[in-house]
Protein backbone atom coordinates (compact mmCIF):
# COMPACT_ATOMS: atom_id res chain seq x y z
CA MET A 1 0.00 0.00 0.00
CA ALA A 2 1.35 3.42 -1.00
CA ILE A 3 0.92 6.38 1.33
CA GLU A 4 1.69 9.97 0.33
CA ILE A 5 2.52 12.40 3.13
CA GLU A 6 3.13 15.96 2.00
CA ARG A 7 2.99 19.53 3.20
CA LYS A 8 2.42 22.54 0.92
CA PHE A 9 3.73 26.08 1.25
CA LEU A 10 3.66 29.33 -0.69
CA VAL A 11 6.94 30.77 -1.93
CA LYS A 12 8.53 34.09 -0.81
CA LYS A 13 11.00 34.13 -3.70
CA ILE A 14 11.97 31.64 -6.38
CA PRO A 15 15.41 30.16 -5.62
CA PHE A 16 16.39 29.36 -9.22
CA ASN A 17 20.07 29.16 -8.20
CA PHE A 18 19.25 26.07 -6.04
CA VAL A 19 17.19 24.19 -8.65
CA LYS A 20 18.68 20.73 -9.30
CA TYR A 21 16.50 20.08 -12.38
CA SER A 22 13.07 20.95 -13.76
CA ALA A 23 10.32 19.05 -15.56
CA LYS A 24 7.38 20.19 -17.69
CA ILE A 25 4.11 18.70 -16.45
CA ARG A 26 0.61 18.53 -17.92
CA GLN A 27 -2.10 16.75 -15.99
CA GLY A 28 -5.81 16.17 -16.28
CA TYR A 29 -8.41 14.70 -13.98
CA ILE A 30 -10.61 11.76 -14.89
CA MET A 31 -12.46 11.84 -11.57
CA ILE A 32 -12.51 14.42 -8.78
CA ASP A 33 -14.49 14.36 -5.57
CA LYS A 34 -13.77 15.21 -1.93
CA THR A 35 -12.15 11.86 -1.14
CA GLN A 36 -10.89 10.41 -4.43
CA VAL A 37 -8.98 11.55 -7.50
CA ILE A 38 -7.93 9.79 -10.69
CA ARG A 39 -5.31 11.77 -12.59
CA VAL A 40 -3.36 11.31 -15.81
CA ARG A 41 0.01 13.09 -16.08
CA GLU A 42 2.61 13.83 -18.72
CA LYS A 43 5.99 14.60 -17.15
CA ASP A 44 8.55 15.39 -19.83
CA ASP A 45 8.47 12.17 -21.92
CA ASP A 46 6.85 9.91 -19.31
CA TYR A 47 3.16 9.28 -18.69
CA PHE A 48 1.39 8.19 -15.50
CA LEU A 49 -2.02 7.28 -14.16
CA ALA A 50 -2.51 8.06 -10.45
CA ILE A 51 -5.26 7.12 -8.05
CA LYS A 52 -5.41 9.07 -4.79
CA GLY A 53 -7.87 9.04 -1.97
CA ASN A 54 -9.13 8.82 1.60
CA LYS A 55 -7.19 11.66 3.16
CA ILE A 56 -6.31 11.26 6.85
CA GLY A 57 -4.51 14.28 8.28
CA ILE A 58 -1.78 15.09 5.75
CA SER A 59 -1.56 11.45 4.58
CA ARG A 60 -3.49 9.77 1.79
CA PHE A 61 -3.39 6.67 -0.35
CA GLU A 62 -1.56 7.10 -3.65
CA PHE A 63 -1.08 4.56 -6.42
CA GLU A 64 0.78 5.70 -9.53
CA TYR A 65 1.51 3.65 -12.64
CA GLN A 66 3.50 4.44 -15.76
CA ILE A 67 1.36 4.12 -18.90
CA PRO A 68 2.05 4.27 -22.66
CA LYS A 69 2.06 7.69 -24.34
CA GLU A 70 -0.84 6.75 -26.65
CA ASP A 71 -3.00 5.72 -23.68
CA ALA A 72 -2.26 9.03 -21.97
CA LYS A 73 -3.19 10.99 -25.10
CA GLU A 74 -6.52 9.16 -25.34
CA LEU A 75 -7.22 9.74 -21.64
CA PHE A 76 -6.42 13.47 -21.97
CA LYS A 77 -8.65 13.74 -25.04
CA ASN A 78 -11.63 11.65 -23.94
CA PHE A 79 -11.65 11.55 -20.13
CA CYS A 80 -10.44 14.95 -18.85
CA PRO A 81 -13.40 17.26 -19.47
CA LEU A 82 -12.12 20.08 -17.26
CA GLY A 83 -8.96 20.60 -19.30
CA LEU A 84 -5.37 20.38 -18.15
CA ILE A 85 -3.13 21.89 -15.49
CA GLU A 86 0.21 22.99 -16.92
CA LYS A 87 3.22 23.69 -14.76
CA THR A 88 6.97 23.45 -14.47
CA ARG A 89 8.17 21.50 -11.45
CA HIS A 90 11.55 22.58 -10.06
CA TYR A 91 13.36 20.12 -7.74
CA ILE A 92 15.40 21.66 -4.93
CA ASP A 93 17.43 19.72 -2.35
CA ASN A 94 17.63 21.03 1.20
CA ASP A 95 18.86 19.13 4.30
CA ASN A 96 18.17 15.57 3.06
CA HIS A 97 14.76 16.46 1.60
CA THR A 98 13.74 17.36 -1.93
CA TRP A 99 11.34 20.27 -2.28
CA GLU A 100 9.12 20.33 -5.39
CA LEU A 101 8.35 23.88 -6.48
CA ASP A 102 5.46 24.12 -8.94
CA GLU A 103 5.44 27.15 -11.24
CA PHE A 104 1.96 27.18 -12.75
CA HIS A 105 1.08 28.29 -16.28
CA GLY A 106 -2.10 29.05 -18.20
CA ARG A 107 -5.01 30.15 -16.02
CA ASN A 108 -2.89 29.51 -12.91
CA ASN A 109 0.00 31.66 -14.14
CA GLY A 110 1.66 33.60 -11.32
CA LEU A 111 0.99 30.94 -8.68
CA PHE A 112 3.97 29.18 -7.09
CA VAL A 113 3.45 26.38 -4.57
CA VAL A 114 6.17 24.22 -3.06
CA GLU A 115 5.65 20.87 -1.38
CA ILE A 116 7.75 18.45 0.57
CA GLU A 117 7.05 14.73 0.79
CA LEU A 118 7.73 13.18 4.17
CA GLN A 119 8.31 9.67 5.51
CA SER A 120 5.88 10.26 8.40
CA GLU A 121 3.59 13.03 9.59
CA ASN A 122 6.09 13.71 12.40
CA ASP A 123 9.14 13.83 10.11
CA ASN A 124 11.44 16.73 11.05
CA PHE A 125 12.65 19.07 8.31
CA SER A 126 14.09 22.55 8.03
CA ILE A 127 12.21 25.22 6.13
CA PRO A 128 14.44 27.21 3.75
CA ASP A 129 14.24 31.01 3.91
CA TRP A 130 12.58 31.19 0.45
CA VAL A 131 9.57 29.16 1.68
CA GLY A 132 6.56 31.15 2.89
CA ILE A 133 3.40 30.30 4.79
CA GLU A 134 2.03 26.78 4.97
CA VAL A 135 -1.12 26.07 2.93
CA THR A 136 -1.39 22.28 3.42
CA GLN A 137 -4.93 22.56 4.78
CA GLU A 138 -6.11 25.16 2.23
CA GLU A 139 -7.89 23.13 -0.45
CA LYS A 140 -7.86 25.94 -3.04
CA TYR A 141 -4.13 25.19 -3.56
CA TYR A 142 -4.72 21.53 -4.48
CA ASN A 143 -4.16 20.87 -8.18
CA MET A 144 -7.55 19.15 -8.44
CA ASN A 145 -9.17 22.41 -7.25
CA LEU A 146 -6.99 24.69 -9.39
CA ILE A 147 -8.43 23.05 -12.49
CA GLN A 148 -11.97 23.92 -11.34
CA ASN A 149 -11.19 27.29 -9.71
CA PRO A 150 -8.03 28.64 -11.38
CA TYR A 151 -5.79 31.26 -9.83
CA ASP A 152 -6.82 33.95 -12.36
CA THR A 153 -10.35 33.91 -10.88
CA TRP A 154 -9.15 34.61 -7.33
CA HIS A 155 -8.76 38.40 -7.74
């Protein structure tokens, strides 16, 4: 069983000088509700199907499988009616953890959210000075909600 434990934060400034590498990501949602999500993702030249659900605290079940490019294209075209989230994910190492900074594009342009995946909910980690306030519990920052209520509608 796969468990994802992550915390999300806003960004004070973008630390491009610390970026280890970056990846272009497009993702669409086949199913979205309060407790379950089925997502298809293109990350550079790789394609994935993810099933997430049953959130408990900051932990939730996550199952992700690599799929063929042609399957992903068909899923995007025929099963993602809300459109796609587009972003660049920047990977930044800090004190034995990798931070994933998402720079959103399209209707979410101007939004930057960084997350850290943890081994347990009590995992200790240091917060770099470029990381801002925590938004883990604020659902409007979840990708599945950004596709339905994009950042450009917030102001």
